[in-house]
C-alpha atoms as a PDB file:
ATOM      1  CA  MET A   1      -0.067  -0.011  -0.054  1.00  0.00           C
ATOM      2  CA  LYS A   2       1.099   3.290  -0.726  1.00  0.00           C
ATOM      3  CA  LEU A   3       1.244   6.272   1.430  1.00  0.00           C
ATOM      4  CA  GLU A   4       0.886   9.313  -0.707  1.00  0.00           C
ATOM      5  CA  ASP A   5      -1.889  10.650   1.773  1.00  0.00           C
ATOM      6  CA  LYS A   6       0.204  10.525   5.126  1.00  0.00           C
ATOM      7  CA  VAL A   7       2.026  13.315   6.991  1.00  0.00           C
ATOM      8  CA  LEU A   8       4.184  11.719   9.459  1.00  0.00           C
ATOM      9  CA  ILE A   9       6.231  13.449  12.300  1.00  0.00           C
ATOM     10  CA  ILE A  10       8.893  11.207  13.450  1.00  0.00           C
ATOM     11  CA  THR A  11      11.180  11.893  16.437  1.00  0.00           C
ATOM     12  CA  GLY A  12      14.622  10.976  16.755  1.00  0.00           C
ATOM     13  CA  ALA A  13      14.779  11.141  13.023  1.00  0.00           C
ATOM     14  CA  SER A  14      18.653  11.921  12.825  1.00  0.00           C
ATOM     15  CA  SER A  15      20.006   8.157  12.879  1.00  0.00           C
ATOM     16  CA  GLY A  16      19.541   4.593  13.509  1.00  0.00           C
ATOM     17  CA  ILE A  17      15.738   3.534  13.644  1.00  0.00           C
ATOM     18  CA  GLY A  18      14.233   7.054  13.208  1.00  0.00           C
ATOM     19  CA  ARG A  19      16.347   7.766  10.095  1.00  0.00           C
ATOM     20  CA  ALA A  20      15.932   4.411   8.345  1.00  0.00           C
ATOM     21  CA  THR A  21      11.960   4.600   9.156  1.00  0.00           C
ATOM     22  CA  ALA A  22      11.694   8.288   7.354  1.00  0.00           C
ATOM     23  CA  ILE A  23      13.572   6.673   4.230  1.00  0.00           C
ATOM     24  CA  LYS A  24      11.031   3.880   4.126  1.00  0.00           C
ATOM     25  CA  LEU A  25       8.055   6.054   4.701  1.00  0.00           C
ATOM     26  CA  ALA A  26       9.360   8.495   2.201  1.00  0.00           C
ATOM     27  CA  GLU A  27       9.866   5.954  -0.446  1.00  0.00           C
ATOM     28  CA  ASN A  28       6.464   4.655  -0.190  1.00  0.00           C
ATOM     29  CA  GLY A  29       4.850   8.161  -0.864  1.00  0.00           C
ATOM     30  CA  ALA A  30       4.465   9.743   2.581  1.00  0.00           C
ATOM     31  CA  LYS A  31       5.512  13.175   3.597  1.00  0.00           C
ATOM     32  CA  VAL A  32       7.757  12.898   6.645  1.00  0.00           C
ATOM     33  CA  VAL A  33       8.671  15.606   9.304  1.00  0.00           C
ATOM     34  CA  LEU A  34      11.983  14.992  10.680  1.00  0.00           C
ATOM     35  CA  MET A  35      12.409  15.959  14.169  1.00  0.00           C
ATOM     36  CA  ALA A  36      15.852  15.758  16.191  1.00  0.00           C
ATOM     37  CA  ARG A  37      18.104  18.066  17.716  1.00  0.00           C
ATOM     38  CA  SER A  38      21.056  17.539  15.072  1.00  0.00           C
ATOM     39  CA  GLU A  39      20.091  19.949  12.473  1.00  0.00           C
ATOM     40  CA  ASP A  40      23.066  19.040  10.152  1.00  0.00           C
ATOM     41  CA  GLU A  41      22.098  15.244  10.450  1.00  0.00           C
ATOM     42  CA  LEU A  42      18.421  16.125   9.721  1.00  0.00           C
ATOM     43  CA  ASN A  43      19.528  17.987   6.447  1.00  0.00           C
ATOM     44  CA  ASP A  44      21.554  14.987   5.238  1.00  0.00           C
ATOM     45  CA  LEU A  45      18.742  12.943   5.580  1.00  0.00           C
ATOM     46  CA  LYS A  46      16.256  15.379   3.929  1.00  0.00           C
ATOM     47  CA  SER A  47      18.608  15.452   0.809  1.00  0.00           C
ATOM     48  CA  ASP A  48      18.558  12.132   0.752  1.00  0.00           C
ATOM     49  CA  ILE A  49      14.946  11.367   0.471  1.00  0.00           C
ATOM     50  CA  ASN A  50      14.840  14.189  -1.750  1.00  0.00           C
ATOM     51  CA  LYS A  51      17.196  12.864  -4.108  1.00  0.00           C
ATOM     52  CA  LYS A  52      15.009   9.808  -4.169  1.00  0.00           C
ATOM     53  CA  GLY A  53      11.700  11.651  -4.921  1.00  0.00           C
ATOM     54  CA  GLY A  54      10.366  12.317  -1.620  1.00  0.00           C
ATOM     55  CA  GLU A  55       9.526  14.833   0.391  1.00  0.00           C
ATOM     56  CA  ALA A  56      10.747  15.850   3.591  1.00  0.00           C
ATOM     57  CA  LEU A  57      10.534  18.665   6.186  1.00  0.00           C
ATOM     58  CA  VAL A  58      13.497  19.271   8.557  1.00  0.00           C
ATOM     59  CA  VAL A  59      12.271  20.891  12.129  1.00  0.00           C
ATOM     60  CA  THR A  60      14.921  20.704  14.939  1.00  0.00           C
ATOM     61  CA  GLY A  61      13.423  20.109  18.229  1.00  0.00           C
ATOM     62  CA  ASP A  62      14.060  18.337  21.748  1.00  0.00           C
ATOM     63  CA  VAL A  63      11.276  15.894  22.718  1.00  0.00           C
ATOM     64  CA  THR A  64      11.294  16.861  26.265  1.00  0.00           C
ATOM     65  CA  LYS A  65      10.195  20.178  25.488  1.00  0.00           C
ATOM     66  CA  LYS A  66       6.694  21.025  25.028  1.00  0.00           C
ATOM     67  CA  SER A  67       7.208  23.961  23.140  1.00  0.00           C
ATOM     68  CA  ASP A  68       9.146  22.306  20.529  1.00  0.00           C
ATOM     69  CA  PHE A  69       6.477  19.967  19.752  1.00  0.00           C
ATOM     70  CA  GLU A  70       4.095  22.807  19.112  1.00  0.00           C
ATOM     71  CA  LYS A  71       6.762  24.295  16.688  1.00  0.00           C
ATOM     72  CA  VAL A  72       6.860  21.000  14.882  1.00  0.00           C
ATOM     73  CA  VAL A  73       3.093  20.742  14.606  1.00  0.00           C
ATOM     74  CA  SER A  74       3.089  24.344  13.380  1.00  0.00           C
ATOM     75  CA  LYS A  75       5.515  23.935  10.640  1.00  0.00           C
ATOM     76  CA  THR A  76       4.159  20.473   9.554  1.00  0.00           C
ATOM     77  CA  LYS A  77       0.371  22.328   9.193  1.00  0.00           C
ATOM     78  CA  ARG A  78       1.950  25.155   7.386  1.00  0.00           C
ATOM     79  CA  GLU A  79       4.010  23.103   4.825  1.00  0.00           C
ATOM     80  CA  PHE A  80       1.971  20.142   4.377  1.00  0.00           C
ATOM     81  CA  GLY A  81      -1.449  21.151   5.483  1.00  0.00           C
ATOM     82  CA  LYS A  82      -2.471  18.180   7.628  1.00  0.00           C
ATOM     83  CA  ILE A  83      -0.921  15.580  10.055  1.00  0.00           C
ATOM     84  CA  THR A  84      -1.791  11.927   9.996  1.00  0.00           C
ATOM     85  CA  GLY A  85       0.462  10.358  12.366  1.00  0.00           C
ATOM     86  CA  LEU A  86       3.512  10.313  14.667  1.00  0.00           C
ATOM     87  CA  VAL A  87       6.342   7.944  15.361  1.00  0.00           C
ATOM     88  CA  ASN A  88       7.407   8.384  18.901  1.00  0.00           C
ATOM     89  CA  ASN A  89      11.364   7.012  17.988  1.00  0.00           C
ATOM     90  CA  ALA A  90      13.429   9.099  20.245  1.00  0.00           C
ATOM     91  CA  GLY A  91      15.275   7.468  23.275  1.00  0.00           C
ATOM     92  CA  LEU A  92      17.925   6.817  25.430  1.00  0.00           C
ATOM     93  CA  MET A  93      19.528   3.578  27.072  1.00  0.00           C
ATOM     94  CA  PRO A  94      22.605   4.626  29.236  1.00  0.00           C
ATOM     95  CA  LEU A  95      21.922   1.205  31.264  1.00  0.00           C
ATOM     96  CA  SER A  96      23.325   1.198  34.887  1.00  0.00           C
ATOM     97  CA  PHE A  97      23.007  -0.863  37.975  1.00  0.00           C
ATOM     98  CA  VAL A  98      20.510   0.847  40.397  1.00  0.00           C
ATOM     99  CA  GLU A  99      23.289   0.741  43.394  1.00  0.00           C
ATOM    100  CA  ASN A 100      25.594   2.873  41.435  1.00  0.00           C
ATOM    101  CA  LEU A 101      22.937   5.582  41.591  1.00  0.00           C
ATOM    102  CA  LYS A 102      23.425   7.303  38.015  1.00  0.00           C
ATOM    103  CA  THR A 103      20.458   9.155  38.964  1.00  0.00           C
ATOM    104  CA  ASP A 104      21.091  11.849  36.519  1.00  0.00           C
ATOM    105  CA  GLU A 105      20.757   9.054  33.668  1.00  0.00           C
ATOM    106  CA  TRP A 106      17.437   7.953  35.285  1.00  0.00           C
ATOM    107  CA  ASP A 107      16.157  11.262  34.982  1.00  0.00           C
ATOM    108  CA  LYS A 108      17.087  11.655  31.417  1.00  0.00           C
ATOM    109  CA  MET A 109      15.751   8.461  30.335  1.00  0.00           C
ATOM    110  CA  VAL A 110      12.452   9.344  32.126  1.00  0.00           C
ATOM    111  CA  ASP A 111      12.432  12.317  30.422  1.00  0.00           C
ATOM    112  CA  VAL A 112      13.128  11.329  26.965  1.00  0.00           C
ATOM    113  CA  ASN A 113      11.605   7.555  26.767  1.00  0.00           C
ATOM    114  CA  ILE A 114       8.406   8.705  28.713  1.00  0.00           C
ATOM    115  CA  LYS A 115       7.668  12.527  28.711  1.00  0.00           C
ATOM    116  CA  GLY A 116       8.723  12.698  25.422  1.00  0.00           C
ATOM    117  CA  VAL A 117       6.292  10.105  24.273  1.00  0.00           C
ATOM    118  CA  LEU A 118       3.470  11.794  26.029  1.00  0.00           C
ATOM    119  CA  ASN A 119       4.660  15.233  24.727  1.00  0.00           C
ATOM    120  CA  GLY A 120       4.290  13.880  21.097  1.00  0.00           C
ATOM    121  CA  VAL A 121       0.861  12.344  21.844  1.00  0.00           C
ATOM    122  CA  ALA A 122      -0.316  15.630  23.536  1.00  0.00           C
ATOM    123  CA  ALA A 123       1.069  18.132  20.792  1.00  0.00           C
ATOM    124  CA  VAL A 124      -0.653  15.753  17.638  1.00  0.00           C
ATOM    125  CA  LEU A 125      -3.885  14.409  19.191  1.00  0.00           C
ATOM    126  CA  PRO A 126      -6.024  17.594  18.478  1.00  0.00           C
ATOM    127  CA  GLU A 127      -5.055  17.477  14.662  1.00  0.00           C
ATOM    128  CA  LEU A 128      -5.768  13.352  14.506  1.00  0.00           C
ATOM    129  CA  ILE A 129      -8.838  13.842  16.445  1.00  0.00           C
ATOM    130  CA  GLU A 130     -10.075  16.648  13.961  1.00  0.00           C
ATOM    131  CA  ASN A 131      -9.187  14.300  10.901  1.00  0.00           C
ATOM    132  CA  LYS A 132     -11.023  11.304  12.477  1.00  0.00           C
ATOM    133  CA  GLY A 133      -8.090   8.977  12.413  1.00  0.00           C
ATOM    134  CA  GLY A 134      -4.588   8.227  12.162  1.00  0.00           C
ATOM    135  CA  ASN A 135      -1.760   6.467  13.399  1.00  0.00           C
ATOM    136  CA  ILE A 136       0.459   6.672  16.400  1.00  0.00           C
ATOM    137  CA  ILE A 137       3.579   4.722  16.707  1.00  0.00           C
ATOM    138  CA  ASN A 138       5.402   4.134  19.838  1.00  0.00           C
ATOM    139  CA  VAL A 139       8.861   2.296  19.880  1.00  0.00           C
ATOM    140  CA  SER A 140       9.124   0.334  22.994  1.00  0.00           C
ATOM    141  CA  SER A 141      11.230  -2.624  23.231  1.00  0.00           C
ATOM    142  CA  MET A 142      11.532  -6.194  24.290  1.00  0.00           C
ATOM    143  CA  ALA A 143      12.766  -4.282  27.384  1.00  0.00           C
ATOM    144  CA  ALA A 144       9.079  -3.794  28.142  1.00  0.00           C
ATOM    145  CA  HIS A 145       8.876  -7.803  28.620  1.00  0.00           C
ATOM    146  CA  ARG A 146      11.704  -8.737  30.688  1.00  0.00           C
ATOM    147  CA  TYR A 147      14.283  -7.547  32.782  1.00  0.00           C
ATOM    148  CA  TYR A 148      17.963  -7.637  31.740  1.00  0.00           C
ATOM    149  CA  PRO A 149      21.670  -6.807  33.916  1.00  0.00           C
ATOM    150  CA  GLY A 150      21.509  -2.724  34.428  1.00  0.00           C
ATOM    151  CA  GLY A 151      18.135  -2.177  32.872  1.00  0.00           C
ATOM    152  CA  ALA A 152      15.893  -1.463  35.722  1.00  0.00           C
ATOM    153  CA  VAL A 153      15.289   1.789  34.791  1.00  0.00           C
ATOM    154  CA  TYR A 154      15.488   1.509  30.943  1.00  0.00           C
ATOM    155  CA  CYS A 155      12.842  -1.430  31.168  1.00  0.00           C
ATOM    156  CA  ALA A 156      10.994   0.473  33.449  1.00  0.00           C
ATOM    157  CA  THR A 157      10.410   3.320  30.969  1.00  0.00           C
ATOM    158  CA  LYS A 158       9.768   1.064  28.077  1.00  0.00           C
ATOM    159  CA  SER A 159       7.152  -0.654  30.116  1.00  0.00           C
ATOM    160  CA  ALA A 160       5.634   2.648  30.643  1.00  0.00           C
ATOM    161  CA  VAL A 161       5.534   3.350  26.658  1.00  0.00           C
ATOM    162  CA  LYS A 162       4.060  -0.210  25.944  1.00  0.00           C
ATOM    163  CA  MET A 163       1.149   0.252  28.676  1.00  0.00           C
ATOM    164  CA  PHE A 164       0.588   3.644  27.667  1.00  0.00           C
ATOM    165  CA  SER A 165       0.157   2.647  23.962  1.00  0.00           C
ATOM    166  CA  GLU A 166      -2.483   0.165  25.132  1.00  0.00           C
ATOM    167  CA  GLY A 167      -4.416   2.699  27.080  1.00  0.00           C
ATOM    168  CA  LEU A 168      -4.059   5.096  24.094  1.00  0.00           C
ATOM    169  CA  ARG A 169      -5.418   2.351  21.602  1.00  0.00           C
ATOM    170  CA  GLN A 170      -8.713   1.547  23.868  1.00  0.00           C
ATOM    171  CA  GLU A 171      -9.365   5.162  24.411  1.00  0.00           C
ATOM    172  CA  LEU A 172      -8.473   6.579  20.704  1.00  0.00           C
ATOM    173  CA  ALA A 173      -9.175   3.669  18.356  1.00  0.00           C
ATOM    174  CA  PRO A 174     -12.983   2.831  18.800  1.00  0.00           C
ATOM    175  CA  LYS A 175     -13.888   6.370  19.263  1.00  0.00           C
ATOM    176  CA  TYR A 176     -11.687   8.471  16.883  1.00  0.00           C
ATOM    177  CA  GLY A 177     -10.224   5.606  14.471  1.00  0.00           C
ATOM    178  CA  ILE A 178      -6.978   6.601  15.681  1.00  0.00           C
ATOM    179  CA  ASN A 179      -4.573   3.213  15.454  1.00  0.00           C
ATOM    180  CA  ILE A 180      -1.782   2.673  18.008  1.00  0.00           C
ATOM    181  CA  THR A 181       1.183   0.348  17.888  1.00  0.00           C
ATOM    182  CA  SER A 182       3.681  -0.407  20.211  1.00  0.00           C
ATOM    183  CA  ILE A 183       6.600  -1.545  18.397  1.00  0.00           C
ATOM    184  CA  GLU A 184       8.903  -3.785  20.665  1.00  0.00           C
ATOM    185  CA  PRO A 185      12.424  -4.601  19.146  1.00  0.00           C
ATOM    186  CA  GLY A 186      15.185  -6.833  20.664  1.00  0.00           C
ATOM    187  CA  ASN A 187      18.650  -6.230  19.883  1.00  0.00           C
ATOM    188  CA  VAL A 188      19.163  -3.640  17.126  1.00  0.00           C
ATOM    189  CA  SER A 189      22.413  -2.677  15.600  1.00  0.00           C
ATOM    190  CA  THR A 190      21.911   1.451  16.571  1.00  0.00           C
ATOM    191  CA  ASN A 191      24.313   3.608  18.829  1.00  0.00           C
ATOM    192  CA  LEU A 192      21.956   3.376  21.558  1.00  0.00           C
ATOM    193  CA  LEU A 193      24.973   1.273  23.577  1.00  0.00           C
ATOM    194  CA  SER A 194      27.349   4.134  23.265  1.00  0.00           C
ATOM    195  CA  THR A 195      25.414   5.984  25.953  1.00  0.00           C
ATOM    196  CA  ILE A 196      26.315   3.939  28.514  1.00  0.00           C
ATOM    197  CA  THR A 197      28.907   5.031  31.103  1.00  0.00           C
ATOM    198  CA  ASP A 198      28.704   2.355  33.692  1.00  0.00           C
ATOM    199  CA  GLU A 199      31.644   0.283  33.807  1.00  0.00           C
ATOM    200  CA  ASP A 200      29.904  -2.420  35.881  1.00  0.00           C
ATOM    201  CA  VAL A 201      27.409  -3.060  32.980  1.00  0.00           C
ATOM    202  CA  LYS A 202      30.409  -2.935  30.324  1.00  0.00           C
ATOM    203  CA  GLU A 203      31.730  -5.750  31.868  1.00  0.00           C
ATOM    204  CA  LYS A 204      28.642  -7.758  32.399  1.00  0.00           C
ATOM    205  CA  MET A 205      27.841  -7.347  28.704  1.00  0.00           C
ATOM    206  CA  LYS A 206      30.789  -8.844  27.791  1.00  0.00           C
ATOM    207  CA  GLU A 207      29.810 -12.299  29.268  1.00  0.00           C
ATOM    208  CA  MET A 208      26.467 -12.177  27.131  1.00  0.00           C
ATOM    209  CA  PRO A 209      26.021 -14.186  24.260  1.00  0.00           C
ATOM    210  CA  GLN A 210      26.668 -12.513  21.077  1.00  0.00           C
ATOM    211  CA  VAL A 211      23.946 -12.741  18.409  1.00  0.00           C
ATOM    212  CA  GLU A 212      23.378 -10.881  15.168  1.00  0.00           C
ATOM    213  CA  PRO A 213      21.383  -7.921  15.862  1.00  0.00           C
ATOM    214  CA  LEU A 214      18.538  -6.518  13.982  1.00  0.00           C
ATOM    215  CA  LYS A 215      19.010  -3.748  11.441  1.00  0.00           C
ATOM    216  CA  ALA A 216      17.298  -0.398  11.664  1.00  0.00           C
ATOM    217  CA  GLU A 217      15.520  -1.301   8.385  1.00  0.00           C
ATOM    218  CA  ASP A 218      13.818  -4.154   9.826  1.00  0.00           C
ATOM    219  CA  ILE A 219      12.495  -2.041  12.614  1.00  0.00           C
ATOM    220  CA  ALA A 220      11.530   0.462   9.725  1.00  0.00           C
ATOM    221  CA  ASN A 221       9.845  -2.162   7.755  1.00  0.00           C
ATOM    222  CA  ALA A 222       7.619  -3.225  10.601  1.00  0.00           C
ATOM    223  CA  ILE A 223       6.691   0.639  11.324  1.00  0.00           C
ATOM    224  CA  TYR A 224       5.622   0.777   7.559  1.00  0.00           C
ATOM    225  CA  TYR A 225       3.406  -2.365   8.024  1.00  0.00           C
ATOM    226  CA  ALA A 226       1.471  -0.796  10.740  1.00  0.00           C
ATOM    227  CA  ILE A 227       0.939   2.193   8.965  1.00  0.00           C
ATOM    228  CA  SER A 228       0.081   0.795   5.738  1.00  0.00           C
ATOM    229  CA  GLN A 229      -2.850  -1.116   6.980  1.00  0.00           C
ATOM    230  CA  PRO A 230      -6.359  -0.321   6.152  1.00  0.00           C
ATOM    231  CA  ASP A 231      -8.027   2.185   8.429  1.00  0.00           C
ATOM    232  CA  ARG A 232     -10.277  -0.762  10.213  1.00  0.00           C
ATOM    233  CA  VAL A 233      -7.027  -2.549  10.790  1.00  0.00           C
ATOM    234  CA  ASN A 234      -4.874  -1.993  14.240  1.00  0.00           C
ATOM    235  CA  ILE A 235      -1.833  -3.457  15.109  1.00  0.00           C
ATOM    236  CA  ASN A 236      -1.544  -3.197  18.585  1.00  0.00           C
ATOM    237  CA  ASP A 237       2.019  -4.724  19.000  1.00  0.00           C
ATOM    238  CA  VAL A 238       4.948  -5.767  16.945  1.00  0.00           C
ATOM    239  CA  TYR A 239       7.357  -7.856  19.031  1.00  0.00           C
ATOM    240  CA  ILE A 240      10.455  -8.474  16.782  1.00  0.00           C
ATOM    241  CA  LEU A 241      13.741 -10.384  17.762  1.00  0.00           C
ATOM    242  CA  PRO A 242      16.915 -11.403  16.358  1.00  0.00           C
ATOM    243  CA  SER A 243      16.147 -15.017  15.491  1.00  0.00           C
ATOM    244  CA  GLU A 244      19.289 -15.923  17.602  1.00  0.00           C
ATOM    245  CA  GLN A 245      18.218 -13.877  20.574  1.00  0.00           C
ATOM    246  CA  GLN A 246      16.369 -15.740  23.582  1.00  0.00           C
END
């Protein structure tokens, strides 16, 4: 299914899953709005999309700031006339053991992984309600289902995203036709691991079995699958792991 009638805001679009998703959706006809803090990387992505015949709008912003989301919504409506969906992808994963009390990192994860999702939904929801439909895609994680070493806070944030998504689905899908999907990947080859500062976690990770990770494009394909369904179809959850991951 082509997506010519879709206008989708993608957070964390400058790299990883967000970048791959923007390319995938634009290749299939959607107009994509690229949101992240790095303007240079977003402009490079926009150039790549334009070269392939796609349409993209760059709006720099921090998902922890409600005013930045308001700016994104305003510029999107001015440029493309409407908003049909949101991909809440921005996230942080500085794993650490609780006893090491890296509370600043806890705060950052709560601010980006939870509050950032809430801010995005609050910003686009009036538009989707007015349109009587649309898609909200929240990128959660397999961490919403199981704890792993150093992941107490991270797993908690992703569990919150998963449950928030289910609450949104039950409240919004029947009443307004807004379809909600929680995307829950396992090990993906992105730069998330580079944010880990806890040396104890780094040592622990050396003991973990090595598996071939998913690619960002695999998650982009899952997001495209959810968005490309007929309006009557809500893909509730996509739980996607590497074949070798237990």
